[in-house]
Amino acid sequence: MADEERLLHLQSWTNQTVQATVGKGKKQKPKFKSFKEFYDHEKRLREIDDSKDNTQKKRKQRLAEIARRLNSE
C-alpha cells in the first residue's frame, strides 16, 4: 500500500515540478527542492509501522483487561 502511495506522490511530484513555483517574475523557483521534501517515503513507512504497533498495543491492553475481569470474578 505504501508503495502505491509513493507512486501516486511521485506522479504528483512530476506534475508539481512542471507547474508549481514560488516567487514572481524572473525570481520564480520550484516550491519543493527535492522529491523527499515533497514526500518522505521512509517517514511514511515509519508512520504505518507505528500505527500497527499502536493497534497491537491497544488490542493487547484490551485483552489483558478482559482477562483481568474474568480472573476477578
PDB file of N, CA and C in Angstrom:
ATOM      1  N   MET A   1       0.818  -1.187   0.000  1.00  0.00           N
ATOM      2  CA  MET A   1       0.000   0.000   0.000  1.00  0.00           C
ATOM      3  C   MET A   1       0.874   1.268   0.000  1.00  0.00           C
ATOM      4  N   ALA A   2       1.910   1.247   0.831  1.00  0.00           N
ATOM      5  CA  ALA A   2       2.801   2.407   0.898  1.00  0.00           C
ATOM      6  C   ALA A   2       3.525   2.616  -0.428  1.00  0.00           C
ATOM      7  N   ASP A   3       3.830   1.515  -1.119  1.00  0.00           N
ATOM      8  CA  ASP A   3       4.495   1.639  -2.422  1.00  0.00           C
ATOM      9  C   ASP A   3       3.572   2.289  -3.449  1.00  0.00           C
ATOM     10  N   GLU A   4       2.295   1.923  -3.414  1.00  0.00           N
ATOM     11  CA  GLU A   4       1.332   2.560  -4.319  1.00  0.00           C
ATOM     12  C   GLU A   4       1.195   4.041  -3.988  1.00  0.00           C
ATOM     13  N   GLU A   5       1.173   4.334  -2.681  1.00  0.00           N
ATOM     14  CA  GLU A   5       1.082   5.722  -2.236  1.00  0.00           C
ATOM     15  C   GLU A   5       2.290   6.515  -2.738  1.00  0.00           C
ATOM     16  N   ARG A   6       3.465   5.884  -2.677  1.00  0.00           N
ATOM     17  CA  ARG A   6       4.688   6.534  -3.146  1.00  0.00           C
ATOM     18  C   ARG A   6       4.595   6.833  -4.641  1.00  0.00           C
ATOM     19  N   LEU A   7       4.094   5.877  -5.412  1.00  0.00           N
ATOM     20  CA  LEU A   7       3.966   6.102  -6.852  1.00  0.00           C
ATOM     21  C   LEU A   7       3.005   7.245  -7.162  1.00  0.00           C
ATOM     22  N   LEU A   8       1.917   7.329  -6.410  1.00  0.00           N
ATOM     23  CA  LEU A   8       0.984   8.441  -6.607  1.00  0.00           C
ATOM     24  C   LEU A   8       1.657   9.770  -6.294  1.00  0.00           C
ATOM     25  N   HIS A   9       2.426   9.797  -5.226  1.00  0.00           N
ATOM     26  CA  HIS A   9       3.121  11.033  -4.867  1.00  0.00           C
ATOM     27  C   HIS A   9       4.211  11.367  -5.886  1.00  0.00           C
ATOM     28  N   LEU A  10       4.858  10.349  -6.417  1.00  0.00           N
ATOM     29  CA  LEU A  10       5.881  10.592  -7.431  1.00  0.00           C
ATOM     30  C   LEU A  10       5.255  11.214  -8.680  1.00  0.00           C
ATOM     31  N   GLN A  11       4.086  10.730  -9.070  1.00  0.00           N
ATOM     32  CA  GLN A  11       3.374  11.319 -10.213  1.00  0.00           C
ATOM     33  C   GLN A  11       2.994  12.763  -9.906  1.00  0.00           C
ATOM     34  N   SER A  12       2.492  12.989  -8.691  1.00  0.00           N
ATOM     35  CA  SER A  12       2.145  14.356  -8.285  1.00  0.00           C
ATOM     36  C   SER A  12       3.375  15.254  -8.289  1.00  0.00           C
ATOM     37  N   TRP A  13       4.501  14.702  -7.824  1.00  0.00           N
ATOM     38  CA  TRP A  13       5.749  15.456  -7.800  1.00  0.00           C
ATOM     39  C   TRP A  13       6.136  15.874  -9.218  1.00  0.00           C
ATOM     40  N   THR A  14       6.014  14.958 -10.153  1.00  0.00           N
ATOM     41  CA  THR A  14       6.351  15.252 -11.536  1.00  0.00           C
ATOM     42  C   THR A  14       5.471  16.380 -12.066  1.00  0.00           C
ATOM     43  N   ASN A  15       4.181  16.281 -11.814  1.00  0.00           N
ATOM     44  CA  ASN A  15       3.256  17.334 -12.251  1.00  0.00           C
ATOM     45  C   ASN A  15       3.573  18.655 -11.561  1.00  0.00           C
ATOM     46  N   GLN A  16       3.840  18.589 -10.278  1.00  0.00           N
ATOM     47  CA  GLN A  16       4.127  19.785  -9.493  1.00  0.00           C
ATOM     48  C   GLN A  16       5.397  20.462  -9.974  1.00  0.00           C
ATOM     49  N   THR A  17       6.400  19.660 -10.302  1.00  0.00           N
ATOM     50  CA  THR A  17       7.680  20.203 -10.751  1.00  0.00           C
ATOM     51  C   THR A  17       7.492  21.061 -11.995  1.00  0.00           C
ATOM     52  N   VAL A  18       6.622  20.635 -12.841  1.00  0.00           N
ATOM     53  CA  VAL A  18       6.368  21.366 -14.079  1.00  0.00           C
ATOM     54  C   VAL A  18       5.594  22.651 -13.815  1.00  0.00           C
ATOM     55  N   GLN A  19       4.690  22.635 -12.831  1.00  0.00           N
ATOM     56  CA  GLN A  19       3.748  23.739 -12.654  1.00  0.00           C
ATOM     57  C   GLN A  19       4.012  24.656 -11.458  1.00  0.00           C
ATOM     58  N   ALA A  20       4.309  24.095 -10.304  1.00  0.00           N
ATOM     59  CA  ALA A  20       4.342  24.898  -9.074  1.00  0.00           C
ATOM     60  C   ALA A  20       5.644  25.678  -8.918  1.00  0.00           C
ATOM     61  N   THR A  21       5.497  26.956  -8.658  1.00  0.00           N
ATOM     62  CA  THR A  21       6.652  27.804  -8.419  1.00  0.00           C
ATOM     63  C   THR A  21       6.334  28.767  -7.280  1.00  0.00           C
ATOM     64  N   VAL A  22       7.388  29.311  -6.720  1.00  0.00           N
ATOM     65  CA  VAL A  22       7.273  30.315  -5.669  1.00  0.00           C
ATOM     66  C   VAL A  22       7.978  31.557  -6.160  1.00  0.00           C
ATOM     67  N   GLY A  23       7.421  32.696  -5.881  1.00  0.00           N
ATOM     68  CA  GLY A  23       8.027  33.936  -6.320  1.00  0.00           C
ATOM     69  C   GLY A  23       7.298  34.510  -7.533  1.00  0.00           C
ATOM     70  N   LYS A  24       7.760  35.684  -7.948  1.00  0.00           N
ATOM     71  CA  LYS A  24       7.122  36.356  -9.079  1.00  0.00           C
ATOM     72  C   LYS A  24       8.163  36.715 -10.125  1.00  0.00           C
ATOM     73  N   GLY A  25       7.688  36.788 -11.332  1.00  0.00           N
ATOM     74  CA  GLY A  25       8.562  37.227 -12.421  1.00  0.00           C
ATOM     75  C   GLY A  25       9.730  36.288 -12.657  1.00  0.00           C
ATOM     76  N   LYS A  26      10.906  36.860 -12.820  1.00  0.00           N
ATOM     77  CA  LYS A  26      12.097  36.074 -13.120  1.00  0.00           C
ATOM     78  C   LYS A  26      12.644  35.348 -11.899  1.00  0.00           C
ATOM     79  N   LYS A  27      12.136  35.667 -10.704  1.00  0.00           N
ATOM     80  CA  LYS A  27      12.645  35.052  -9.481  1.00  0.00           C
ATOM     81  C   LYS A  27      11.845  33.816  -9.071  1.00  0.00           C
ATOM     82  N   GLN A  28      11.086  33.248  -9.990  1.00  0.00           N
ATOM     83  CA  GLN A  28      10.321  32.046  -9.683  1.00  0.00           C
ATOM     84  C   GLN A  28      11.257  30.849  -9.541  1.00  0.00           C
ATOM     85  N   LYS A  29      10.921  29.984  -8.587  1.00  0.00           N
ATOM     86  CA  LYS A  29      11.683  28.752  -8.407  1.00  0.00           C
ATOM     87  C   LYS A  29      10.718  27.671  -7.920  1.00  0.00           C
ATOM     88  N   PRO A  30      11.072  26.405  -8.066  1.00  0.00           N
ATOM     89  CA  PRO A  30      10.181  25.329  -7.636  1.00  0.00           C
ATOM     90  C   PRO A  30       9.860  25.427  -6.147  1.00  0.00           C
ATOM     91  N   LYS A  31       8.650  25.085  -5.793  1.00  0.00           N
ATOM     92  CA  LYS A  31       8.217  25.142  -4.395  1.00  0.00           C
ATOM     93  C   LYS A  31       8.986  24.135  -3.548  1.00  0.00           C
ATOM     94  N   PHE A  32       9.223  22.935  -4.068  1.00  0.00           N
ATOM     95  CA  PHE A  32       9.970  21.904  -3.356  1.00  0.00           C
ATOM     96  C   PHE A  32      11.282  21.674  -4.079  1.00  0.00           C
ATOM     97  N   LYS A  33      12.357  21.535  -3.320  1.00  0.00           N
ATOM     98  CA  LYS A  33      13.674  21.377  -3.926  1.00  0.00           C
ATOM     99  C   LYS A  33      13.997  19.928  -4.245  1.00  0.00           C
ATOM    100  N   SER A  34      13.327  18.998  -3.568  1.00  0.00           N
ATOM    101  CA  SER A  34      13.578  17.581  -3.818  1.00  0.00           C
ATOM    102  C   SER A  34      12.281  16.801  -3.643  1.00  0.00           C
ATOM    103  N   PHE A  35      12.281  15.601  -4.200  1.00  0.00           N
ATOM    104  CA  PHE A  35      11.101  14.755  -4.054  1.00  0.00           C
ATOM    105  C   PHE A  35      10.894  14.388  -2.591  1.00  0.00           C
ATOM    106  N   LYS A  36      11.984  14.130  -1.868  1.00  0.00           N
ATOM    107  CA  LYS A  36      11.876  13.749  -0.452  1.00  0.00           C
ATOM    108  C   LYS A  36      11.235  14.866   0.368  1.00  0.00           C
ATOM    109  N   GLU A  37      11.501  16.102   0.013  1.00  0.00           N
ATOM    110  CA  GLU A  37      10.873  17.229   0.701  1.00  0.00           C
ATOM    111  C   GLU A  37       9.362  17.220   0.447  1.00  0.00           C
ATOM    112  N   PHE A  38       8.989  16.781  -0.727  1.00  0.00           N
ATOM    113  CA  PHE A  38       7.578  16.706  -1.109  1.00  0.00           C
ATOM    114  C   PHE A  38       6.903  15.498  -0.467  1.00  0.00           C
ATOM    115  N   TYR A  39       7.594  14.349  -0.481  1.00  0.00           N
ATOM    116  CA  TYR A  39       7.031  13.112   0.073  1.00  0.00           C
ATOM    117  C   TYR A  39       8.169  12.254   0.609  1.00  0.00           C
ATOM    118  N   ASP A  40       8.196  12.049   1.925  1.00  0.00           N
ATOM    119  CA  ASP A  40       9.240  11.263   2.577  1.00  0.00           C
ATOM    120  C   ASP A  40       8.725   9.830   2.776  1.00  0.00           C
ATOM    121  N   HIS A  41       9.134   8.953   1.870  1.00  0.00           N
ATOM    122  CA  HIS A  41       8.657   7.569   1.869  1.00  0.00           C
ATOM    123  C   HIS A  41       9.054   6.835   3.154  1.00  0.00           C
ATOM    124  N   GLU A  42      10.285   6.994   3.600  1.00  0.00           N
ATOM    125  CA  GLU A  42      10.746   6.320   4.808  1.00  0.00           C
ATOM    126  C   GLU A  42       9.944   6.778   6.028  1.00  0.00           C
ATOM    127  N   LYS A  43       9.653   8.062   6.096  1.00  0.00           N
ATOM    128  CA  LYS A  43       8.854   8.601   7.203  1.00  0.00           C
ATOM    129  C   LYS A  43       7.453   7.991   7.176  1.00  0.00           C
ATOM    130  N   ARG A  44       6.883   7.882   5.985  1.00  0.00           N
ATOM    131  CA  ARG A  44       5.545   7.305   5.852  1.00  0.00           C
ATOM    132  C   ARG A  44       5.535   5.843   6.285  1.00  0.00           C
ATOM    133  N   LEU A  45       6.587   5.098   5.926  1.00  0.00           N
ATOM    134  CA  LEU A  45       6.672   3.704   6.352  1.00  0.00           C
ATOM    135  C   LEU A  45       6.755   3.599   7.873  1.00  0.00           C
ATOM    136  N   ARG A  46       7.517   4.509   8.502  1.00  0.00           N
ATOM    137  CA  ARG A  46       7.597   4.518   9.971  1.00  0.00           C
ATOM    138  C   ARG A  46       6.238   4.829  10.583  1.00  0.00           C
ATOM    139  N   GLU A  47       5.499   5.772   9.982  1.00  0.00           N
ATOM    140  CA  GLU A  47       4.163   6.104  10.478  1.00  0.00           C
ATOM    141  C   GLU A  47       3.233   4.897  10.402  1.00  0.00           C
ATOM    142  N   ILE A  48       3.326   4.155   9.315  1.00  0.00           N
ATOM    143  CA  ILE A  48       2.496   2.961   9.161  1.00  0.00           C
ATOM    144  C   ILE A  48       2.873   1.915  10.203  1.00  0.00           C
ATOM    145  N   ASP A  49       4.181   1.702  10.402  1.00  0.00           N
ATOM    146  CA  ASP A  49       4.629   0.744  11.414  1.00  0.00           C
ATOM    147  C   ASP A  49       4.182   1.160  12.809  1.00  0.00           C
ATOM    148  N   ASP A  50       4.311   2.448  13.112  1.00  0.00           N
ATOM    149  CA  ASP A  50       3.884   2.954  14.420  1.00  0.00           C
ATOM    150  C   ASP A  50       2.392   2.743  14.618  1.00  0.00           C
ATOM    151  N   SER A  51       1.633   2.956  13.570  1.00  0.00           N
ATOM    152  CA  SER A  51       0.187   2.762  13.644  1.00  0.00           C
ATOM    153  C   SER A  51      -0.140   1.302  13.934  1.00  0.00           C
ATOM    154  N   LYS A  52       0.568   0.386  13.265  1.00  0.00           N
ATOM    155  CA  LYS A  52       0.371  -1.045  13.506  1.00  0.00           C
ATOM    156  C   LYS A  52       0.746  -1.397  14.942  1.00  0.00           C
ATOM    157  N   ASP A  53       1.873  -0.851  15.418  1.00  0.00           N
ATOM    158  CA  ASP A  53       2.308  -1.113  16.793  1.00  0.00           C
ATOM    159  C   ASP A  53       1.268  -0.629  17.793  1.00  0.00           C
ATOM    160  N   ASN A  54       0.733   0.577  17.571  1.00  0.00           N
ATOM    161  CA  ASN A  54      -0.272   1.123  18.472  1.00  0.00           C
ATOM    162  C   ASN A  54      -1.537   0.280  18.471  1.00  0.00           C
ATOM    163  N   THR A  55      -1.931  -0.202  17.305  1.00  0.00           N
ATOM    164  CA  THR A  55      -3.119  -1.053  17.208  1.00  0.00           C
ATOM    165  C   THR A  55      -2.897  -2.347  17.967  1.00  0.00           C
ATOM    166  N   GLN A  56      -1.711  -2.938  17.837  1.00  0.00           N
ATOM    167  CA  GLN A  56      -1.408  -4.175  18.556  1.00  0.00           C
ATOM    168  C   GLN A  56      -1.355  -3.936  20.062  1.00  0.00           C
ATOM    169  N   LYS A  57      -0.778  -2.814  20.487  1.00  0.00           N
ATOM    170  CA  LYS A  57      -0.722  -2.495  21.919  1.00  0.00           C
ATOM    171  C   LYS A  57      -2.117  -2.322  22.491  1.00  0.00           C
ATOM    172  N   LYS A  58      -2.973  -1.613  21.764  1.00  0.00           N
ATOM    173  CA  LYS A  58      -4.345  -1.412  22.226  1.00  0.00           C
ATOM    174  C   LYS A  58      -5.077  -2.736  22.329  1.00  0.00           C
ATOM    175  N   ARG A  59      -4.877  -3.613  21.356  1.00  0.00           N
ATOM    176  CA  ARG A  59      -5.526  -4.923  21.364  1.00  0.00           C
ATOM    177  C   ARG A  59      -5.052  -5.739  22.570  1.00  0.00           C
ATOM    178  N   LYS A  60      -3.741  -5.730  22.825  1.00  0.00           N
ATOM    179  CA  LYS A  60      -3.197  -6.462  23.973  1.00  0.00           C
ATOM    180  C   LYS A  60      -3.735  -5.892  25.281  1.00  0.00           C
ATOM    181  N   GLN A  61      -3.820  -4.558  25.371  1.00  0.00           N
ATOM    182  CA  GLN A  61      -4.354  -3.938  26.581  1.00  0.00           C
ATOM    183  C   GLN A  61      -5.815  -4.326  26.794  1.00  0.00           C
ATOM    184  N   ARG A  62      -6.579  -4.346  25.712  1.00  0.00           N
ATOM    185  CA  ARG A  62      -7.992  -4.714  25.807  1.00  0.00           C
ATOM    186  C   ARG A  62      -8.131  -6.169  26.254  1.00  0.00           C
ATOM    187  N   LEU A  63      -7.325  -7.063  25.697  1.00  0.00           N
ATOM    188  CA  LEU A  63      -7.369  -8.468  26.073  1.00  0.00           C
ATOM    189  C   LEU A  63      -6.922  -8.667  27.520  1.00  0.00           C
ATOM    190  N   ALA A  64      -5.913  -7.914  27.936  1.00  0.00           N
ATOM    191  CA  ALA A  64      -5.454  -8.003  29.327  1.00  0.00           C
ATOM    192  C   ALA A  64      -6.548  -7.544  30.283  1.00  0.00           C
ATOM    193  N   GLU A  65      -7.272  -6.507  29.911  1.00  0.00           N
ATOM    194  CA  GLU A  65      -8.382  -6.015  30.740  1.00  0.00           C
ATOM    195  C   GLU A  65      -9.481  -7.055  30.824  1.00  0.00           C
ATOM    196  N   ILE A  66      -9.806  -7.699  29.714  1.00  0.00           N
ATOM    197  CA  ILE A  66     -10.829  -8.755  29.715  1.00  0.00           C
ATOM    198  C   ILE A  66     -10.381  -9.909  30.612  1.00  0.00           C
ATOM    199  N   ALA A  67      -9.112 -10.312  30.485  1.00  0.00           N
ATOM    200  CA  ALA A  67      -8.581 -11.404  31.319  1.00  0.00           C
ATOM    201  C   ALA A  67      -8.614 -11.021  32.792  1.00  0.00           C
ATOM    202  N   ARG A  68      -8.273  -9.784  33.103  1.00  0.00           N
ATOM    203  CA  ARG A  68      -8.301  -9.314  34.492  1.00  0.00           C
ATOM    204  C   ARG A  68      -9.711  -9.405  35.057  1.00  0.00           C
ATOM    205  N   ARG A  69     -10.688  -8.958  34.275  1.00  0.00           N
ATOM    206  CA  ARG A  69     -12.092  -9.007  34.718  1.00  0.00           C
ATOM    207  C   ARG A  69     -12.558 -10.439  34.931  1.00  0.00           C
ATOM    208  N   LEU A  70     -12.184 -11.322  33.997  1.00  0.00           N
ATOM    209  CA  LEU A  70     -12.582 -12.733  34.131  1.00  0.00           C
ATOM    210  C   LEU A  70     -11.944 -13.389  35.357  1.00  0.00           C
ATOM    211  N   ASN A  71     -10.691 -13.036  35.630  1.00  0.00           N
ATOM    212  CA  ASN A  71      -9.992 -13.616  36.787  1.00  0.00           C
ATOM    213  C   ASN A  71     -10.503 -13.081  38.100  1.00  0.00           C
ATOM    214  N   SER A  72     -11.087 -11.894  38.093  1.00  0.00           N
ATOM    215  CA  SER A  72     -11.583 -11.296  39.345  1.00  0.00           C
ATOM    216  C   SER A  72     -12.979 -11.798  39.712  1.00  0.00           C
ATOM    217  N   GLU A  73     -13.639 -12.488  38.816  1.00  0.00           N
ATOM    218  CA  GLU A  73     -14.991 -12.992  39.103  1.00  0.00           C
ATOM    219  C   GLU A  73     -14.986 -14.220  39.925  1.00  0.00           C
TER     220      GLU A  73
END
